[in-house]
Amino acid sequence: MIIVSPSILSADFADLKNELLVVKNAGAPWAHVDVMDGHFVPNISIGVPVVASLRKATDLFLDVHLMIDTPIKYVDQFIASGADMVVIHLESDTPEMIHTTLARIHELGCKAGLTIKPGTPVEAMEPYLGEIDMALIMTVEPGFGGQSFMADMMPKVTWLREHTSPDFLIQVDGGVDAKTAPVCKTAGANVLVSGSAFFKAADKAAFVECLKA
């Protein structure tokens, strides 16, 4: 089964409640929430209060991607605000603290994910595979929306599929649209994040079905 997770980074921030309704009505069960701190990545986006507001506005599964340094400092707050999945970057802390942070996410009753930047070898994720509910392969450099899809990241997806169970969640984020989604699925991805392409689609329900087909 393919899960489509539209990224609200490309939504109208002045009308997020209705944008979440658009996501739900299009048949997407998840909403992808990009959190940027201006340090780990150059841009700054939303924080805990916005996630809390999103939680009050929707029953969609909130897939919260923390592009922040030392995420252990913030996971409690994001989970308390209503995140269903918290995804942290392998590069955001020491290996010991990554293990600790993943354990803390689970301790608080939340699903845990791990992601890597395009320049990080996928093999670096291997020590954590038994501790996560989802692995995310970035197909753009994190921190900016609207970038072009990096097809050379697909061997990472294939590696993950070969080293995990058939139903393990492997997410792809960056430049996913009707043309690139089949490439992702062929490689082994089963969770597709789409931002610009989703919110620009004239028929969003048809777009979601296209990604899933």
C-alpha atoms as a PDB file:
ATOM      1  CA  MET A   1       0.000   0.000   0.000  1.00  0.00           C
ATOM      2  CA  ILE A   2       1.269   3.462  -0.928  1.00  0.00           C
ATOM      3  CA  ILE A   3       0.807   6.307   1.556  1.00  0.00           C
ATOM      4  CA  VAL A   4       0.749   9.867   0.216  1.00  0.00           C
ATOM      5  CA  SER A   5       1.859  12.574   2.657  1.00  0.00           C
ATOM      6  CA  PRO A   6       1.402  16.098   1.241  1.00  0.00           C
ATOM      7  CA  SER A   7       3.923  18.570   2.641  1.00  0.00           C
ATOM      8  CA  ILE A   8       2.278  21.616   4.158  1.00  0.00           C
ATOM      9  CA  LEU A   9       5.474  23.578   3.483  1.00  0.00           C
ATOM     10  CA  SER A  10       3.858  24.276   0.105  1.00  0.00           C
ATOM     11  CA  ALA A  11       0.430  25.090   1.546  1.00  0.00           C
ATOM     12  CA  ASP A  12      -1.109  28.515   2.150  1.00  0.00           C
ATOM     13  CA  PHE A  13       0.068  29.280   5.705  1.00  0.00           C
ATOM     14  CA  ALA A  14      -2.686  31.868   6.083  1.00  0.00           C
ATOM     15  CA  ASP A  15      -5.289  29.142   5.639  1.00  0.00           C
ATOM     16  CA  LEU A  16      -3.739  25.966   7.052  1.00  0.00           C
ATOM     17  CA  LYS A  17      -6.957  24.601   8.556  1.00  0.00           C
ATOM     18  CA  ASN A  18      -8.634  24.570   5.169  1.00  0.00           C
ATOM     19  CA  GLU A  19      -5.473  23.324   3.463  1.00  0.00           C
ATOM     20  CA  LEU A  20      -5.511  20.308   5.792  1.00  0.00           C
ATOM     21  CA  LEU A  21      -9.121  19.712   4.792  1.00  0.00           C
ATOM     22  CA  VAL A  22      -8.014  19.810   1.154  1.00  0.00           C
ATOM     23  CA  VAL A  23      -5.399  17.148   1.948  1.00  0.00           C
ATOM     24  CA  LYS A  24      -7.980  14.941   3.657  1.00  0.00           C
ATOM     25  CA  ASN A  25     -10.595  15.377   0.946  1.00  0.00           C
ATOM     26  CA  ALA A  26      -7.995  14.440  -1.674  1.00  0.00           C
ATOM     27  CA  GLY A  27      -7.656  11.041   0.003  1.00  0.00           C
ATOM     28  CA  ALA A  28      -4.222  11.513   1.563  1.00  0.00           C
ATOM     29  CA  PRO A  29      -4.116  10.057   5.110  1.00  0.00           C
ATOM     30  CA  TRP A  30      -0.965  11.874   6.252  1.00  0.00           C
ATOM     31  CA  ALA A  31       0.273  15.461   6.361  1.00  0.00           C
ATOM     32  CA  HIS A  32       4.028  16.039   6.261  1.00  0.00           C
ATOM     33  CA  VAL A  33       5.184  18.839   8.562  1.00  0.00           C
ATOM     34  CA  ASP A  34       8.651  20.312   7.940  1.00  0.00           C
ATOM     35  CA  VAL A  35      10.286  21.901  10.988  1.00  0.00           C
ATOM     36  CA  MET A  36      13.445  23.950  10.285  1.00  0.00           C
ATOM     37  CA  ASP A  37      15.593  25.741  12.846  1.00  0.00           C
ATOM     38  CA  GLY A  38      17.837  27.981  10.723  1.00  0.00           C
ATOM     39  CA  HIS A  39      20.915  26.087  11.982  1.00  0.00           C
ATOM     40  CA  PHE A  40      20.719  22.502  10.776  1.00  0.00           C
ATOM     41  CA  VAL A  41      19.254  23.891   7.554  1.00  0.00           C
ATOM     42  CA  PRO A  42      19.403  27.534   6.407  1.00  0.00           C
ATOM     43  CA  ASN A  43      15.682  28.251   6.530  1.00  0.00           C
ATOM     44  CA  ILE A  44      13.306  28.647   9.461  1.00  0.00           C
ATOM     45  CA  SER A  45       9.780  27.256   9.229  1.00  0.00           C
ATOM     46  CA  ILE A  46       7.229  26.309  11.858  1.00  0.00           C
ATOM     47  CA  GLY A  47       7.528  25.224  15.484  1.00  0.00           C
ATOM     48  CA  VAL A  48       5.655  23.567  18.322  1.00  0.00           C
ATOM     49  CA  PRO A  49       2.699  26.030  18.519  1.00  0.00           C
ATOM     50  CA  VAL A  50       1.837  25.512  14.864  1.00  0.00           C
ATOM     51  CA  VAL A  51       1.955  21.723  15.216  1.00  0.00           C
ATOM     52  CA  ALA A  52      -0.376  22.023  18.211  1.00  0.00           C
ATOM     53  CA  SER A  53      -2.751  24.143  16.107  1.00  0.00           C
ATOM     54  CA  LEU A  54      -2.609  21.616  13.267  1.00  0.00           C
ATOM     55  CA  ARG A  55      -3.486  18.838  15.692  1.00  0.00           C
ATOM     56  CA  LYS A  56      -6.598  20.709  16.816  1.00  0.00           C
ATOM     57  CA  ALA A  57      -7.618  21.285  13.207  1.00  0.00           C
ATOM     58  CA  THR A  58      -7.299  17.762  11.793  1.00  0.00           C
ATOM     59  CA  ASP A  59      -7.319  14.041  12.492  1.00  0.00           C
ATOM     60  CA  LEU A  60      -4.767  13.394   9.735  1.00  0.00           C
ATOM     61  CA  PHE A  61      -1.630  11.490  10.725  1.00  0.00           C
ATOM     62  CA  LEU A  62       0.967  14.216  11.393  1.00  0.00           C
ATOM     63  CA  ASP A  63       4.320  13.183   9.985  1.00  0.00           C
ATOM     64  CA  VAL A  64       6.706  15.688  11.605  1.00  0.00           C
ATOM     65  CA  HIS A  65      10.160  15.995  10.018  1.00  0.00           C
ATOM     66  CA  LEU A  66      12.609  17.725  12.355  1.00  0.00           C
ATOM     67  CA  MET A  67      15.368  19.452  10.390  1.00  0.00           C
ATOM     68  CA  ILE A  68      16.927  20.708  13.611  1.00  0.00           C
ATOM     69  CA  ASP A  69      20.091  20.300  15.658  1.00  0.00           C
ATOM     70  CA  THR A  70      20.059  18.167  18.839  1.00  0.00           C
ATOM     71  CA  PRO A  71      16.436  17.064  18.472  1.00  0.00           C
ATOM     72  CA  ILE A  72      16.435  15.458  21.921  1.00  0.00           C
ATOM     73  CA  LYS A  73      15.825  18.975  23.258  1.00  0.00           C
ATOM     74  CA  TYR A  74      12.515  19.257  21.436  1.00  0.00           C
ATOM     75  CA  VAL A  75      10.949  15.845  20.823  1.00  0.00           C
ATOM     76  CA  ASP A  76       8.950  15.939  24.069  1.00  0.00           C
ATOM     77  CA  GLN A  77       7.332  19.209  23.018  1.00  0.00           C
ATOM     78  CA  PHE A  78       6.532  18.104  19.492  1.00  0.00           C
ATOM     79  CA  ILE A  79       5.008  14.851  20.699  1.00  0.00           C
ATOM     80  CA  ALA A  80       2.976  16.668  23.359  1.00  0.00           C
ATOM     81  CA  SER A  81       1.758  19.038  20.628  1.00  0.00           C
ATOM     82  CA  GLY A  82       0.268  16.138  18.689  1.00  0.00           C
ATOM     83  CA  ALA A  83       2.870  14.626  16.339  1.00  0.00           C
ATOM     84  CA  ASP A  84       2.075  11.028  15.334  1.00  0.00           C
ATOM     85  CA  MET A  85       5.527  10.382  13.852  1.00  0.00           C
ATOM     86  CA  VAL A  86       8.714  12.286  14.645  1.00  0.00           C
ATOM     87  CA  VAL A  87      11.519  11.933  12.103  1.00  0.00           C
ATOM     88  CA  ILE A  88      15.012  13.073  13.042  1.00  0.00           C
ATOM     89  CA  HIS A  89      18.182  13.458  10.984  1.00  0.00           C
ATOM     90  CA  LEU A  90      21.049  11.060  11.532  1.00  0.00           C
ATOM     91  CA  GLU A  91      23.408  14.012  11.035  1.00  0.00           C
ATOM     92  CA  SER A  92      21.752  16.132  13.746  1.00  0.00           C
ATOM     93  CA  ASP A  93      23.581  14.652  16.752  1.00  0.00           C
ATOM     94  CA  THR A  94      26.119  12.062  17.867  1.00  0.00           C
ATOM     95  CA  PRO A  95      25.364   8.367  17.252  1.00  0.00           C
ATOM     96  CA  GLU A  96      24.797   7.820  20.977  1.00  0.00           C
ATOM     97  CA  MET A  97      22.314  10.687  21.134  1.00  0.00           C
ATOM     98  CA  ILE A  98      20.493   9.520  18.014  1.00  0.00           C
ATOM     99  CA  HIS A  99      19.870   6.170  19.752  1.00  0.00           C
ATOM    100  CA  THR A 100      18.761   8.026  22.879  1.00  0.00           C
ATOM    101  CA  THR A 101      16.438  10.319  20.938  1.00  0.00           C
ATOM    102  CA  LEU A 102      14.778   7.466  19.048  1.00  0.00           C
ATOM    103  CA  ALA A 103      14.246   5.634  22.328  1.00  0.00           C
ATOM    104  CA  ARG A 104      12.721   8.751  23.884  1.00  0.00           C
ATOM    105  CA  ILE A 105      10.293   9.169  20.985  1.00  0.00           C
ATOM    106  CA  HIS A 106       9.051   5.612  21.505  1.00  0.00           C
ATOM    107  CA  GLU A 107       8.960   6.038  25.264  1.00  0.00           C
ATOM    108  CA  LEU A 108       6.483   8.873  24.750  1.00  0.00           C
ATOM    109  CA  GLY A 109       4.234   6.650  22.653  1.00  0.00           C
ATOM    110  CA  CYS A 110       5.097   8.164  19.284  1.00  0.00           C
ATOM    111  CA  LYS A 111       6.386   6.530  16.112  1.00  0.00           C
ATOM    112  CA  ALA A 112      10.034   7.276  15.293  1.00  0.00           C
ATOM    113  CA  GLY A 113      11.663   7.870  11.948  1.00  0.00           C
ATOM    114  CA  LEU A 114      15.218   8.505  10.788  1.00  0.00           C
ATOM    115  CA  THR A 115      16.407  10.362   7.712  1.00  0.00           C
ATOM    116  CA  ILE A 116      19.622  11.286   5.967  1.00  0.00           C
ATOM    117  CA  LYS A 117      20.772  14.093   3.709  1.00  0.00           C
ATOM    118  CA  PRO A 118      21.661  13.242   0.091  1.00  0.00           C
ATOM    119  CA  GLY A 119      25.382  13.254   0.876  1.00  0.00           C
ATOM    120  CA  THR A 120      25.137  10.681   3.683  1.00  0.00           C
ATOM    121  CA  PRO A 121      25.646   7.005   2.758  1.00  0.00           C
ATOM    122  CA  VAL A 122      22.561   4.886   3.391  1.00  0.00           C
ATOM    123  CA  GLU A 123      24.665   2.274   5.174  1.00  0.00           C
ATOM    124  CA  ALA A 124      24.990   4.754   8.043  1.00  0.00           C
ATOM    125  CA  MET A 125      21.344   4.012   8.860  1.00  0.00           C
ATOM    126  CA  GLU A 126      21.938   0.309   9.458  1.00  0.00           C
ATOM    127  CA  PRO A 127      22.663   0.520  13.231  1.00  0.00           C
ATOM    128  CA  TYR A 128      19.272   2.172  13.768  1.00  0.00           C
ATOM    129  CA  LEU A 129      16.972   0.088  11.578  1.00  0.00           C
ATOM    130  CA  GLY A 130      15.729  -1.992  14.503  1.00  0.00           C
ATOM    131  CA  GLU A 131      14.809   1.175  16.397  1.00  0.00           C
ATOM    132  CA  ILE A 132      12.684   3.020  13.847  1.00  0.00           C
ATOM    133  CA  ASP A 133       9.234   2.764  12.302  1.00  0.00           C
ATOM    134  CA  MET A 134      10.194   4.567   9.098  1.00  0.00           C
ATOM    135  CA  ALA A 135      13.288   5.504   7.129  1.00  0.00           C
ATOM    136  CA  LEU A 136      13.231   8.655   5.005  1.00  0.00           C
ATOM    137  CA  ILE A 137      15.454   9.179   1.991  1.00  0.00           C
ATOM    138  CA  MET A 138      15.759  12.824   0.985  1.00  0.00           C
ATOM    139  CA  THR A 139      15.724  13.298  -2.781  1.00  0.00           C
ATOM    140  CA  VAL A 140      16.524  17.011  -2.443  1.00  0.00           C
ATOM    141  CA  GLU A 141      18.741  18.936  -0.059  1.00  0.00           C
ATOM    142  CA  PRO A 142      16.671  19.534   3.082  1.00  0.00           C
ATOM    143  CA  GLY A 143      15.538  23.025   3.896  1.00  0.00           C
ATOM    144  CA  PHE A 144      13.886  24.289   0.716  1.00  0.00           C
ATOM    145  CA  GLY A 145      10.702  23.409  -1.161  1.00  0.00           C
ATOM    146  CA  GLY A 146      10.322  23.102  -4.917  1.00  0.00           C
ATOM    147  CA  GLN A 147      13.681  21.479  -5.714  1.00  0.00           C
ATOM    148  CA  SER A 148      14.264  18.982  -8.507  1.00  0.00           C
ATOM    149  CA  PHE A 149      14.123  15.249  -7.800  1.00  0.00           C
ATOM    150  CA  MET A 150      17.504  13.525  -7.353  1.00  0.00           C
ATOM    151  CA  ALA A 151      17.076  10.156  -9.069  1.00  0.00           C
ATOM    152  CA  ASP A 152      20.547   9.065  -7.983  1.00  0.00           C
ATOM    153  CA  MET A 153      19.159   8.616  -4.453  1.00  0.00           C
ATOM    154  CA  MET A 154      17.079   5.612  -5.544  1.00  0.00           C
ATOM    155  CA  PRO A 155      19.788   3.012  -4.804  1.00  0.00           C
ATOM    156  CA  LYS A 156      19.464   4.085  -1.158  1.00  0.00           C
ATOM    157  CA  VAL A 157      15.777   3.235  -1.232  1.00  0.00           C
ATOM    158  CA  THR A 158      16.535  -0.136  -2.801  1.00  0.00           C
ATOM    159  CA  TRP A 159      19.200  -0.832  -0.164  1.00  0.00           C
ATOM    160  CA  LEU A 160      16.713  -0.083   2.597  1.00  0.00           C
ATOM    161  CA  ARG A 161      14.075  -2.341   1.066  1.00  0.00           C
ATOM    162  CA  GLU A 162      16.620  -5.149   0.861  1.00  0.00           C
ATOM    163  CA  HIS A 163      17.575  -4.683   4.525  1.00  0.00           C
ATOM    164  CA  THR A 164      14.067  -4.353   6.004  1.00  0.00           C
ATOM    165  CA  SER A 165      10.762  -6.214   5.979  1.00  0.00           C
ATOM    166  CA  PRO A 166       8.397  -5.976   2.990  1.00  0.00           C
ATOM    167  CA  ASP A 167       5.988  -3.726   4.891  1.00  0.00           C
ATOM    168  CA  PHE A 168       8.588  -1.480   6.535  1.00  0.00           C
ATOM    169  CA  LEU A 169       7.873   2.198   5.836  1.00  0.00           C
ATOM    170  CA  ILE A 170      10.359   3.812   3.445  1.00  0.00           C
ATOM    171  CA  GLN A 171       9.576   7.419   2.672  1.00  0.00           C
ATOM    172  CA  VAL A 172      10.865   9.599  -0.157  1.00  0.00           C
ATOM    173  CA  ASP A 173      10.757  13.375   0.166  1.00  0.00           C
ATOM    174  CA  GLY A 174      11.687  15.901  -2.507  1.00  0.00           C
ATOM    175  CA  GLY A 175      10.475  16.518  -6.038  1.00  0.00           C
ATOM    176  CA  VAL A 176       7.877  13.741  -5.965  1.00  0.00           C
ATOM    177  CA  ASP A 177       5.249  14.120  -8.682  1.00  0.00           C
ATOM    178  CA  ALA A 178       3.405  12.008 -11.246  1.00  0.00           C
ATOM    179  CA  LYS A 179       6.625  11.390 -13.204  1.00  0.00           C
ATOM    180  CA  THR A 180       8.967  10.603 -10.309  1.00  0.00           C
ATOM    181  CA  ALA A 181       6.577   8.615  -8.100  1.00  0.00           C
ATOM    182  CA  PRO A 182       6.836   5.433 -10.211  1.00  0.00           C
ATOM    183  CA  VAL A 183      10.633   5.600  -9.909  1.00  0.00           C
ATOM    184  CA  CYS A 184      10.325   5.807  -6.124  1.00  0.00           C
ATOM    185  CA  LYS A 185       7.868   2.918  -5.932  1.00  0.00           C
ATOM    186  CA  THR A 186       9.956   0.727  -8.214  1.00  0.00           C
ATOM    187  CA  ALA A 187      12.943   1.289  -5.932  1.00  0.00           C
ATOM    188  CA  GLY A 188      10.882   0.195  -2.927  1.00  0.00           C
ATOM    189  CA  ALA A 189       9.361   3.330  -1.390  1.00  0.00           C
ATOM    190  CA  ASN A 190       5.861   3.094   0.062  1.00  0.00           C
ATOM    191  CA  VAL A 191       5.435   6.581   1.572  1.00  0.00           C
ATOM    192  CA  LEU A 192       5.569   9.533  -0.823  1.00  0.00           C
ATOM    193  CA  VAL A 193       5.880  13.144   0.315  1.00  0.00           C
ATOM    194  CA  SER A 194       4.663  15.667  -2.238  1.00  0.00           C
ATOM    195  CA  GLY A 195       4.558  19.392  -1.646  1.00  0.00           C
ATOM    196  CA  SER A 196       4.572  21.737  -4.618  1.00  0.00           C
ATOM    197  CA  ALA A 197       3.168  19.166  -7.046  1.00  0.00           C
ATOM    198  CA  PHE A 198       0.252  18.312  -4.750  1.00  0.00           C
ATOM    199  CA  PHE A 199      -0.774  21.858  -3.917  1.00  0.00           C
ATOM    200  CA  LYS A 200      -0.438  23.003  -7.534  1.00  0.00           C
ATOM    201  CA  ALA A 201      -2.510  20.103  -8.888  1.00  0.00           C
ATOM    202  CA  ALA A 202      -5.834  21.164 -10.356  1.00  0.00           C
ATOM    203  CA  ASP A 203      -7.455  17.888  -9.265  1.00  0.00           C
ATOM    204  CA  LYS A 204      -5.768  16.890  -6.021  1.00  0.00           C
ATOM    205  CA  ALA A 205      -7.764  13.694  -5.523  1.00  0.00           C
ATOM    206  CA  ALA A 206      -6.744  12.519  -8.992  1.00  0.00           C
ATOM    207  CA  PHE A 207      -3.145  13.455  -8.211  1.00  0.00           C
ATOM    208  CA  VAL A 208      -3.161  11.342  -5.038  1.00  0.00           C
ATOM    209  CA  GLU A 209      -4.636   8.408  -6.938  1.00  0.00           C
ATOM    210  CA  CYS A 210      -1.972   8.838  -9.606  1.00  0.00           C
ATOM    211  CA  LEU A 211       0.804   8.620  -7.012  1.00  0.00           C
ATOM    212  CA  LYS A 212      -0.755   5.545  -5.424  1.00  0.00           C
ATOM    213  CA  ALA A 213      -1.529   3.710  -8.675  1.00  0.00           C
END
